[in-house]
Protein backbone atom coordinates (compact mmCIF):
# COMPACT_ATOMS: atom_id res chain seq x y z
CA MET A 1 125.24 49.06 143.60
CA THR A 2 123.92 52.21 141.57
CA THR A 3 123.82 51.37 137.61
CA PRO A 4 125.09 53.78 135.32
CA LEU A 5 121.57 54.50 133.74
CA GLU A 6 119.92 55.20 137.08
CA LEU A 7 123.01 57.77 137.76
CA GLU A 8 121.52 59.02 134.43
CA ALA A 9 118.15 58.94 135.51
CA LYS A 10 119.35 61.17 138.55
CA SER A 11 121.18 63.45 136.68
CA LEU A 12 118.45 64.60 134.56
CA PRO A 13 116.14 67.60 135.11
CA PRO A 14 112.37 66.84 136.01
CA LEU A 15 109.79 66.49 133.14
CA LEU A 16 107.15 67.93 135.97
CA GLU A 17 108.09 69.49 138.80
CA VAL A 18 105.31 70.66 141.51
CA ARG A 19 106.24 72.61 144.01
CA ASP A 20 103.74 74.10 146.95
CA LEU A 21 100.82 73.56 145.01
CA LYS A 22 97.30 74.16 146.61
CA VAL A 23 93.56 73.66 145.12
CA HIS A 24 91.23 75.57 147.93
CA PHE A 25 87.16 75.57 147.02
CA PRO A 26 84.77 77.97 148.84
CA ILE A 27 82.09 76.64 151.04
CA ARG A 28 79.07 78.45 151.22
CA SER A 29 76.02 78.61 152.98
CA GLY A 30 72.81 80.49 153.41
CA ILE A 31 70.63 82.23 151.01
CA LEU A 32 72.80 84.49 149.49
CA GLN A 33 75.81 81.25 149.34
CA ARG A 34 78.44 83.79 151.55
CA GLN A 35 81.60 81.98 151.62
CA THR A 36 81.82 80.35 155.15
CA ASP A 37 84.83 78.29 155.14
CA VAL A 38 87.28 76.86 152.54
CA PHE A 39 87.69 73.22 151.85
CA LYS A 40 91.22 72.58 151.31
CA ALA A 41 91.28 69.57 149.01
CA VAL A 42 95.01 69.77 148.01
CA ASP A 43 97.40 71.50 150.75
CA GLY A 44 100.57 72.35 149.82
CA VAL A 45 102.08 69.54 148.16
CA SER A 46 104.82 69.17 145.92
CA PHE A 47 106.97 66.31 144.32
CA SER A 48 108.97 65.65 140.76
CA ILE A 49 108.42 63.26 138.06
CA PRO A 50 111.66 62.35 136.24
CA PRO A 51 111.82 61.74 132.48
CA GLY A 52 110.33 57.92 131.41
CA LYS A 53 109.33 57.04 135.38
CA THR A 54 106.18 56.06 136.70
CA VAL A 55 105.42 58.45 140.41
CA GLY A 56 102.10 55.94 142.14
CA LEU A 57 100.03 58.92 143.75
CA LEU A 58 98.39 56.72 146.25
CA GLY A 59 95.31 57.19 148.83
CA GLU A 60 91.71 56.45 149.58
CA SER A 61 88.54 58.39 147.63
CA GLY A 62 88.35 62.17 148.46
CA SER A 63 92.33 62.65 149.85
CA GLY A 64 92.88 65.04 146.64
CA LYS A 65 94.28 62.40 144.30
CA THR A 66 92.18 63.69 141.14
CA THR A 67 92.52 67.40 141.72
CA ILE A 68 95.97 66.64 141.35
CA GLY A 69 95.61 65.25 138.15
CA ARG A 70 93.34 67.44 137.09
CA THR A 71 95.17 70.67 138.35
CA LEU A 72 98.57 69.24 136.16
CA VAL A 73 96.18 69.49 132.95
CA LYS A 74 94.53 72.96 134.19
CA LEU A 75 91.03 71.42 134.24
CA VAL A 76 91.19 72.74 137.73
CA THR A 77 92.29 75.99 138.83
CA ALA A 78 95.19 75.99 141.55
CA THR A 79 95.01 78.35 144.02
CA SER A 80 98.73 78.90 144.70
CA GLY A 81 102.12 76.88 144.00
CA LYS A 82 103.88 76.23 140.13
CA VAL A 83 103.58 73.44 138.34
CA LEU A 84 106.76 73.30 136.07
CA TRP A 85 107.03 71.39 132.70
CA LYS A 86 110.83 71.16 132.08
CA GLY A 87 110.76 74.24 133.95
CA THR A 88 108.44 76.56 132.56
CA ASP A 89 105.37 77.04 134.95
CA ILE A 90 102.00 76.49 133.34
CA LEU A 91 99.72 77.68 135.84
CA PRO A 92 99.57 81.21 134.53
CA MET A 93 99.15 80.17 130.92
CA SER A 94 95.91 81.07 129.31
CA GLU A 95 94.01 78.30 127.12
CA GLN A 96 96.04 79.62 124.39
CA GLU A 97 99.48 79.54 125.62
CA PHE A 98 98.92 75.66 127.16
CA ARG A 99 97.25 74.68 124.34
CA PRO A 100 100.38 73.18 122.70
CA LEU A 101 101.33 71.59 126.02
CA ARG A 102 97.92 69.63 125.55
CA ARG A 103 99.39 67.37 123.12
CA ARG A 104 103.02 66.41 125.51
CA ILE A 105 100.65 65.47 128.55
CA GLN A 106 97.59 63.81 128.29
CA TYR A 107 94.97 62.35 130.24
CA ILE A 108 93.68 58.92 130.46
CA PHE A 109 90.48 59.23 132.42
CA GLN A 110 88.95 56.75 135.30
CA ASP A 111 85.48 56.29 133.59
CA PRO A 112 86.25 54.91 130.04
CA PHE A 113 83.06 55.61 129.05
CA GLY A 114 82.45 58.54 129.83
CA SER A 115 85.27 59.96 128.26
CA LEU A 116 84.42 58.79 124.69
CA ASN A 117 81.57 60.54 122.92
CA PRO A 118 78.77 57.94 122.12
CA ARG A 119 77.71 59.47 118.69
CA ILE A 120 80.43 58.85 117.42
CA THR A 121 82.90 55.98 116.39
CA ILE A 122 86.10 55.29 117.75
CA GLY A 123 88.16 55.72 114.70
CA ARG A 124 86.85 59.28 114.57
CA ILE A 125 87.10 59.33 118.38
CA ILE A 126 91.30 58.66 117.63
CA GLY A 127 91.16 61.12 114.35
CA GLU A 128 89.99 64.21 116.13
CA ALA A 129 93.29 64.36 117.99
CA LEU A 130 95.08 63.51 115.07
CA GLU A 131 93.16 66.10 112.73
CA ILE A 132 93.80 69.15 115.46
CA HIS A 133 97.30 68.48 116.41
CA PHE A 134 98.53 67.03 112.94
CA LYS A 135 97.20 69.41 109.86
CA GLU A 136 99.86 68.36 107.35
CA MET A 137 98.14 64.56 107.40
CA ASN A 138 95.54 63.32 104.72
CA ALA A 139 92.76 61.96 105.64
CA SER A 140 94.43 58.59 104.11
CA GLU A 141 97.76 59.00 106.56
CA ARG A 142 95.20 59.62 109.37
CA GLY A 143 93.03 56.44 108.41
CA ASP A 144 96.24 54.22 108.91
CA ARG A 145 97.79 55.71 111.87
CA VAL A 146 94.38 55.04 113.84
CA ALA A 147 94.93 51.30 112.45
CA SER A 148 98.20 51.63 113.78
CA LEU A 149 97.56 53.13 117.23
CA LEU A 150 94.04 50.40 117.74
CA ARG A 151 96.57 47.48 117.00
CA ARG A 152 99.14 48.93 119.13
CA VAL A 153 96.34 48.75 122.26
CA GLY A 154 95.37 45.17 121.42
CA LEU A 155 92.44 46.09 119.39
CA LEU A 156 91.44 45.26 115.48
CA PRO A 157 91.53 48.07 112.26
CA GLU A 158 87.87 47.23 111.21
CA MET A 159 86.59 48.16 115.14
CA GLY A 160 87.55 51.81 114.03
CA GLY A 161 84.12 51.57 112.61
CA ARG A 162 81.78 50.91 115.66
CA TYR A 163 80.77 52.84 118.94
CA PRO A 164 81.28 52.95 121.99
CA HIS A 165 78.78 51.64 123.24
CA GLU A 166 79.58 48.13 121.31
CA PHE A 167 82.46 47.51 123.44
CA SER A 168 83.07 46.45 126.87
CA GLY A 169 85.04 48.35 129.83
CA GLY A 170 88.69 46.91 129.22
CA GLN A 171 87.95 47.70 125.09
CA ARG A 172 86.97 51.19 126.10
CA GLN A 173 90.37 51.97 128.20
CA ARG A 174 92.39 50.86 125.64
CA ILE A 175 90.28 52.91 123.61
CA GLY A 176 91.30 55.79 125.71
CA ILE A 177 94.80 54.65 125.53
CA ALA A 178 95.05 54.91 122.06
CA ARG A 179 93.20 58.00 121.89
CA ALA A 180 95.77 59.43 124.27
CA LEU A 181 98.94 58.45 122.18
CA ALA A 182 97.59 59.78 119.33
CA VAL A 183 98.97 62.91 119.86
CA GLU A 184 102.64 61.07 120.74
CA PRO A 185 102.69 62.25 124.76
CA GLU A 186 105.44 62.73 126.75
CA PHE A 187 103.86 62.23 129.98
CA LEU A 188 100.53 60.19 131.12
CA ILE A 189 98.12 61.30 134.07
CA CYS A 190 96.05 57.70 134.44
CA ASP A 191 93.47 58.90 136.88
CA GLU A 192 92.67 55.63 138.42
CA PRO A 193 92.51 53.64 134.94
CA VAL A 194 91.59 50.41 136.44
CA SER A 195 89.58 50.48 138.92
CA ALA A 196 86.31 50.48 137.09
CA LEU A 197 87.20 47.21 135.70
CA ASP A 198 87.36 43.40 136.17
CA VAL A 199 91.12 42.32 138.25
CA SER A 200 91.65 40.10 135.51
CA VAL A 201 91.03 42.85 132.83
CA GLN A 202 92.84 45.23 135.41
CA ALA A 203 95.95 42.88 135.01
CA GLN A 204 95.73 43.07 130.93
CA ILE A 205 95.58 47.18 131.30
CA VAL A 206 98.30 47.59 133.71
CA ASN A 207 100.73 45.38 131.68
CA LEU A 208 99.65 46.83 128.42
CA LEU A 209 100.76 50.80 130.15
CA GLN A 210 104.26 49.10 131.08
CA ASP A 211 104.71 47.52 127.45
CA ILE A 212 103.47 51.07 126.15
CA GLN A 213 106.09 53.26 128.61
CA GLU A 214 108.96 50.88 128.17
CA GLU A 215 108.59 51.43 124.32
CA LEU A 216 108.32 54.79 124.15
CA GLY A 217 110.27 55.93 126.95
CA LEU A 218 106.68 57.89 128.77
CA ALA A 219 106.71 59.45 132.07
CA MET A 220 103.45 58.51 134.17
CA LEU A 221 101.69 59.89 137.01
CA PHE A 222 99.60 56.73 138.18
CA ILE A 223 96.61 57.33 140.44
CA ALA A 224 95.32 54.74 142.63
CA HIS A 225 93.76 53.44 145.61
CA ASP A 226 94.59 49.63 144.98
CA LEU A 227 98.22 49.26 146.56
CA ALA A 228 98.89 46.07 144.97
CA VAL A 229 98.55 48.09 141.17
CA VAL A 230 100.91 50.66 142.33
CA GLU A 231 103.50 48.31 143.70
CA HIS A 232 103.47 46.88 140.57
CA ILE A 233 103.52 49.71 138.36
CA SER A 234 105.29 52.55 140.07
CA ASP A 235 108.86 53.61 140.20
CA SER A 236 108.09 55.82 143.37
CA VAL A 237 104.87 56.23 145.61
CA LEU A 238 103.68 59.58 147.14
CA VAL A 239 101.04 59.07 150.06
CA LEU A 240 98.36 61.14 149.87
CA HIS A 241 96.44 61.84 152.89
CA ARG A 242 93.78 64.83 153.25
CA GLY A 243 95.46 67.34 150.74
CA LYS A 244 99.03 66.50 151.90
CA ILE A 245 102.11 63.75 151.24
CA VAL A 246 102.89 61.84 154.58
CA GLU A 247 104.81 59.57 152.64
CA SER A 248 107.00 59.48 149.71
CA GLY A 249 110.13 57.12 148.35
CA PRO A 250 110.98 53.91 146.13
CA SER A 251 107.35 51.60 145.57
CA ARG A 252 108.73 48.31 147.23
CA GLU A 253 109.95 50.50 150.33
CA VAL A 254 107.12 52.39 150.98
CA LEU A 255 105.00 49.52 150.91
CA GLU A 256 107.03 46.84 152.48
CA LYS A 257 108.76 49.32 155.07
CA PRO A 258 106.13 52.06 156.02
CA LYS A 259 107.04 54.65 157.92
CA ASP A 260 103.63 56.93 158.23
CA PRO A 261 100.15 55.54 160.80
CA TYR A 262 98.31 56.75 157.66
CA THR A 263 100.60 54.53 155.59
CA ARG A 264 99.92 51.14 157.56
CA GLU A 265 96.26 52.54 157.97
CA LEU A 266 96.20 51.60 154.12
CA LEU A 267 97.97 47.59 154.26
CA ALA A 268 96.20 46.90 157.16
CA ALA A 269 92.68 47.48 155.17
CA VAL A 270 94.34 45.34 151.96
CA PRO A 271 92.34 42.18 152.69
CA ARG A 272 95.35 39.18 152.71
CA ILE A 273 94.37 35.44 151.52
């Protein structure tokens, strides 16, 4: 039976819609580096993400998952297609036009250490985002906001004076989440945010992301190759193979009763105890 909330969610327009997205990279060879072929990293991908929902993007390494995520925030240039944010195509936008939307669409990277400036404290790292997007805030207000964000992700406010190398991998990922939340986003792109962490820490970060989503009503694209994590956190799943979506649907349905041979191969490759 469909609940009133589910009916309401179905009637809402998508927050983000991807239409026939293609990202091709030239392959060059020879002394003159002439183009001899094209690598189709993403080849005609279409999907949508409703407000407040999590879509899992699942596939093996090299399938094009991260390329899709980076294209959505214009870190990678699309070859063709459309990426509609609340109905407006963001791909043709200049950096200046897209800058206000960077506050609404935040990216959580796979490597928390590589995405944090090692030369400044984490309080400064989080505070920089506030300085850029909330110019009306004074130093005291920024300090209070940084302390609140650190508490929200399970860290102590006094840790704001430490540097990234003084934290564990799980703590650094919490810092990355706090930085993303600082600008009050509506949509998070989580690019394998737990793959570099210990299993016990993975569960903590996934549960933290779920709590934040429920509290703030965020939409998420969760990129991963771990089937258990994707099933746990996602409302629906997209299975990506060689730049194409080969299967999609509710997460439990796709992962318990896969229809595509590639999805079945992924499931068969998971060790079972």
